[in-house]
Every structure is written in C-alpha cells, then in structure tokens.
N, C-alpha and C. Protein backbone atom coordinates (compact mmCIF):
# COMPACT_ATOMS: atom_id res chain seq x y z
N MET A 1 30.10 46.69 -8.27
CA MET A 1 28.98 47.10 -7.48
C MET A 1 28.87 46.14 -6.28
N PRO A 2 28.87 46.67 -5.05
CA PRO A 2 28.72 45.80 -3.88
C PRO A 2 27.36 45.11 -3.89
N HIS A 3 27.34 43.91 -3.38
CA HIS A 3 26.07 43.18 -3.30
C HIS A 3 26.15 42.17 -2.16
N THR A 4 25.00 41.72 -1.74
CA THR A 4 24.93 40.72 -0.68
C THR A 4 23.62 39.96 -0.84
N PRO A 5 23.56 38.74 -0.34
CA PRO A 5 22.29 38.02 -0.42
C PRO A 5 21.26 38.65 0.53
N VAL A 6 20.00 38.48 0.18
CA VAL A 6 18.91 38.93 1.02
C VAL A 6 18.24 37.70 1.58
N TYR A 7 18.22 37.58 2.91
CA TYR A 7 17.65 36.42 3.57
C TYR A 7 16.14 36.54 3.74
N ASN A 8 15.46 35.39 3.70
CA ASN A 8 14.08 35.36 4.18
C ASN A 8 14.18 35.11 5.69
N LEU A 9 13.06 35.12 6.41
CA LEU A 9 13.12 34.99 7.86
C LEU A 9 13.71 33.67 8.33
N LYS A 10 13.39 32.59 7.66
CA LYS A 10 13.96 31.29 8.05
C LYS A 10 15.48 31.34 7.95
N GLU A 11 15.99 31.90 6.86
CA GLU A 11 17.43 31.99 6.67
C GLU A 11 18.07 32.90 7.72
N VAL A 12 17.37 33.96 8.11
CA VAL A 12 17.90 34.84 9.15
C VAL A 12 18.10 34.07 10.43
N PHE A 13 17.07 33.33 10.88
CA PHE A 13 17.15 32.61 12.14
C PHE A 13 18.11 31.43 12.08
N ASP A 14 18.35 30.89 10.89
CA ASP A 14 19.28 29.78 10.71
C ASP A 14 20.73 30.24 10.56
N ASP A 15 20.94 31.54 10.37
CA ASP A 15 22.28 32.06 10.15
C ASP A 15 23.17 31.80 11.37
N PRO A 16 24.35 31.20 11.18
CA PRO A 16 25.22 30.89 12.31
C PRO A 16 25.61 32.11 13.14
N GLN A 17 25.80 33.25 12.50
CA GLN A 17 26.20 34.45 13.24
C GLN A 17 25.04 34.96 14.11
N VAL A 18 23.84 34.92 13.59
CA VAL A 18 22.66 35.32 14.37
C VAL A 18 22.52 34.41 15.58
N GLN A 19 22.72 33.12 15.37
CA GLN A 19 22.62 32.16 16.47
C GLN A 19 23.75 32.38 17.49
N HIS A 20 24.97 32.54 17.00
CA HIS A 20 26.12 32.73 17.89
C HIS A 20 25.97 33.99 18.75
N MET A 21 25.49 35.06 18.16
CA MET A 21 25.35 36.33 18.88
C MET A 21 24.08 36.39 19.74
N GLY A 22 23.23 35.38 19.64
CA GLY A 22 21.99 35.37 20.42
C GLY A 22 21.08 36.53 20.05
N MET A 23 20.96 36.79 18.77
CA MET A 23 20.22 37.96 18.32
C MET A 23 18.72 37.74 18.17
N GLN A 24 18.29 36.50 18.21
CA GLN A 24 16.85 36.25 18.06
C GLN A 24 16.13 36.68 19.33
N ILE A 25 15.06 37.44 19.16
CA ILE A 25 14.23 37.86 20.29
C ILE A 25 12.77 37.64 19.94
N GLN A 26 11.95 37.68 20.97
CA GLN A 26 10.51 37.59 20.78
C GLN A 26 9.87 38.80 21.43
N ILE A 27 8.92 39.40 20.74
CA ILE A 27 8.20 40.55 21.26
C ILE A 27 6.79 40.09 21.58
N GLU A 28 6.44 40.13 22.86
CA GLU A 28 5.11 39.70 23.29
C GLU A 28 4.09 40.79 23.00
N ARG A 29 2.87 40.37 22.60
CA ARG A 29 1.79 41.31 22.36
C ARG A 29 0.53 40.84 23.08
N LYS A 30 -0.31 41.77 23.47
CA LYS A 30 -1.56 41.42 24.13
C LYS A 30 -2.52 40.77 23.15
N ASN A 31 -2.99 39.59 23.48
CA ASN A 31 -4.02 38.90 22.69
C ASN A 31 -3.66 38.71 21.22
N LYS A 32 -2.39 38.70 20.91
CA LYS A 32 -1.94 38.50 19.52
C LYS A 32 -0.73 37.60 19.53
N PRO A 33 -0.40 37.00 18.40
CA PRO A 33 0.78 36.13 18.35
C PRO A 33 2.07 36.90 18.66
N THR A 34 3.01 36.21 19.23
CA THR A 34 4.32 36.78 19.52
C THR A 34 5.06 37.05 18.22
N ILE A 35 5.80 38.15 18.19
CA ILE A 35 6.61 38.49 17.02
C ILE A 35 8.02 37.94 17.24
N ARG A 36 8.49 37.12 16.33
CA ARG A 36 9.86 36.59 16.38
C ARG A 36 10.71 37.41 15.41
N THR A 37 11.77 38.00 15.92
CA THR A 37 12.60 38.87 15.09
C THR A 37 14.03 38.85 15.61
N VAL A 38 14.88 39.72 15.10
CA VAL A 38 16.24 39.85 15.59
C VAL A 38 16.41 41.24 16.19
N LYS A 39 17.26 41.30 17.24
CA LYS A 39 17.49 42.58 17.90
C LYS A 39 18.49 43.41 17.11
N PHE A 40 18.57 44.66 17.48
CA PHE A 40 19.55 45.57 16.89
C PHE A 40 20.94 44.99 17.10
N PRO A 41 21.80 45.00 16.10
CA PRO A 41 23.08 44.29 16.20
C PRO A 41 24.11 44.90 17.14
N LEU A 42 23.90 46.12 17.61
CA LEU A 42 24.88 46.74 18.49
C LEU A 42 24.35 46.82 19.92
N ASP A 43 25.21 46.48 20.88
CA ASP A 43 24.92 46.65 22.30
C ASP A 43 25.87 47.70 22.83
N TYR A 44 25.35 48.70 23.50
CA TYR A 44 26.18 49.74 24.08
C TYR A 44 26.33 49.49 25.57
N SER A 45 27.54 49.56 26.08
CA SER A 45 27.80 49.20 27.47
C SER A 45 27.15 50.15 28.47
N ASP A 46 26.92 51.40 28.10
CA ASP A 46 26.35 52.37 29.03
C ASP A 46 24.83 52.43 29.01
N THR A 47 24.21 51.59 28.23
CA THR A 47 22.74 51.60 28.18
C THR A 47 22.23 50.21 28.49
N ASN A 48 21.10 50.17 29.07
CA ASN A 48 20.43 48.92 29.34
C ASN A 48 19.09 48.93 28.61
N ALA A 49 19.15 49.10 27.32
CA ALA A 49 17.93 49.22 26.52
C ALA A 49 17.15 47.90 26.55
N PRO A 50 15.85 48.00 26.83
CA PRO A 50 15.03 46.78 26.81
C PRO A 50 14.76 46.34 25.38
N HIS A 51 14.19 45.18 25.24
CA HIS A 51 13.78 44.75 23.91
C HIS A 51 12.81 45.77 23.33
N PRO A 52 12.69 45.81 22.03
CA PRO A 52 11.76 46.75 21.42
C PRO A 52 10.32 46.51 21.90
N LEU A 53 9.58 47.58 21.93
CA LEU A 53 8.17 47.48 22.28
C LEU A 53 7.40 46.89 21.12
N PRO A 54 6.25 46.30 21.38
CA PRO A 54 5.44 45.79 20.27
C PRO A 54 4.91 46.95 19.44
N PRO A 55 4.59 46.70 18.19
CA PRO A 55 4.04 47.77 17.37
C PRO A 55 2.70 48.22 17.95
N PRO A 56 2.34 49.49 17.77
CA PRO A 56 1.08 49.97 18.33
C PRO A 56 -0.12 49.31 17.65
N GLU A 57 -1.20 49.20 18.42
CA GLU A 57 -2.45 48.72 17.85
C GLU A 57 -3.01 49.81 16.94
N LEU A 58 -3.88 49.43 16.05
CA LEU A 58 -4.49 50.39 15.14
C LEU A 58 -5.19 51.49 15.95
N GLY A 59 -4.78 52.73 15.77
CA GLY A 59 -5.39 53.87 16.44
C GLY A 59 -4.95 54.08 17.88
N GLU A 60 -4.01 53.29 18.36
CA GLU A 60 -3.59 53.36 19.77
C GLU A 60 -3.12 54.76 20.19
N HIS A 61 -2.48 55.48 19.31
CA HIS A 61 -1.91 56.79 19.66
C HIS A 61 -2.67 57.95 19.02
N ASN A 62 -3.89 57.70 18.55
CA ASN A 62 -4.67 58.77 17.93
C ASN A 62 -4.79 59.99 18.83
N GLY A 63 -5.14 59.76 20.09
CA GLY A 63 -5.35 60.88 21.02
C GLY A 63 -4.11 61.74 21.16
N GLU A 64 -2.96 61.11 21.31
CA GLU A 64 -1.72 61.87 21.47
C GLU A 64 -1.43 62.75 20.26
N PHE A 65 -1.59 62.18 19.07
CA PHE A 65 -1.31 62.94 17.85
C PHE A 65 -2.33 64.04 17.64
N LEU A 66 -3.59 63.72 17.85
CA LEU A 66 -4.63 64.73 17.61
C LEU A 66 -4.53 65.87 18.62
N LYS A 67 -4.19 65.58 19.88
CA LYS A 67 -4.00 66.65 20.86
C LYS A 67 -2.84 67.54 20.45
N ALA A 68 -1.78 66.96 19.94
CA ALA A 68 -0.63 67.74 19.48
C ALA A 68 -1.01 68.65 18.30
N LEU A 69 -2.05 68.25 17.57
CA LEU A 69 -2.51 69.06 16.44
C LEU A 69 -3.58 70.06 16.86
N GLY A 70 -3.91 70.09 18.16
CA GLY A 70 -4.86 71.08 18.66
C GLY A 70 -6.28 70.58 18.85
N TYR A 71 -6.56 69.30 18.65
CA TYR A 71 -7.90 68.77 18.86
C TYR A 71 -8.15 68.59 20.36
N ASP A 72 -9.36 68.96 20.80
CA ASP A 72 -9.72 68.72 22.20
C ASP A 72 -10.53 67.42 22.29
N ASP A 73 -10.88 67.03 23.53
CA ASP A 73 -11.60 65.76 23.73
C ASP A 73 -12.93 65.72 22.99
N LYS A 74 -13.63 66.86 22.97
CA LYS A 74 -14.93 66.93 22.30
C LYS A 74 -14.78 66.69 20.78
N ALA A 75 -13.78 67.33 20.18
CA ALA A 75 -13.55 67.17 18.74
C ALA A 75 -13.16 65.73 18.41
N MET A 76 -12.34 65.13 19.27
CA MET A 76 -11.94 63.74 19.04
C MET A 76 -13.12 62.79 19.19
N ALA A 77 -14.01 63.08 20.15
CA ALA A 77 -15.20 62.26 20.33
C ALA A 77 -16.09 62.34 19.09
N GLU A 78 -16.20 63.52 18.51
CA GLU A 78 -16.99 63.69 17.28
C GLU A 78 -16.38 62.88 16.12
N LEU A 79 -15.07 62.94 15.99
CA LEU A 79 -14.41 62.15 14.94
C LEU A 79 -14.64 60.66 15.15
N LYS A 80 -14.60 60.23 16.40
CA LYS A 80 -14.83 58.81 16.69
C LYS A 80 -16.28 58.42 16.37
N GLU A 81 -17.22 59.29 16.73
CA GLU A 81 -18.65 59.04 16.43
C GLU A 81 -18.89 58.90 14.94
N LYS A 82 -18.22 59.70 14.15
CA LYS A 82 -18.37 59.69 12.69
C LYS A 82 -17.61 58.56 12.03
N GLY A 83 -16.80 57.82 12.80
CA GLY A 83 -16.03 56.72 12.24
C GLY A 83 -14.76 57.15 11.55
N VAL A 84 -14.35 58.40 11.78
CA VAL A 84 -13.12 58.89 11.16
C VAL A 84 -11.90 58.27 11.84
N ILE A 85 -12.00 58.13 13.16
CA ILE A 85 -10.91 57.49 13.91
C ILE A 85 -11.46 56.33 14.70
C-alpha cells in the first residue's frame, strides 16, 4: 500500500524542496492576519496566474448567490433584517 508522511505547517515550510522551489507565498487580507501557505506546485508557461485570492469574508458573496437563485434586492433586505443573512 503506498504511503507518505503528512507534514504539519512548520514541516511544510522547512521542507528543502518547498524552499528550493520558492513555493511559500503569503496571501494578504484586509484587516486580518496574512495567510502563509504554499502555492500550487505547477507553473504553466502560457499563463500568468496571480497568487490565490484571500478566502471570502463571511457572507461576502451572499448577494451573488441569492440573485442567481432568483432573490431580488427587497427579498434579500428582508432576509438581512431577520438576521438570516
């Protein structure tokens, strides 16, 4: 059965291959601590993909999803008033 060790974050950042490949990145967030992580291991020559975006804030995309489900601004305002969103 194939197996491999599972690293904790300290071990990930200390890994010689991660260091050699320059895979450690930081994701800046508004008014929150920076996220330290590793980038996707593959770089494609025809793309200039930026670093990953920070994770969304709680409820940041509610409007987009609810509009896609057919909710209008009035219905969303009512949900917000009731504390649902």
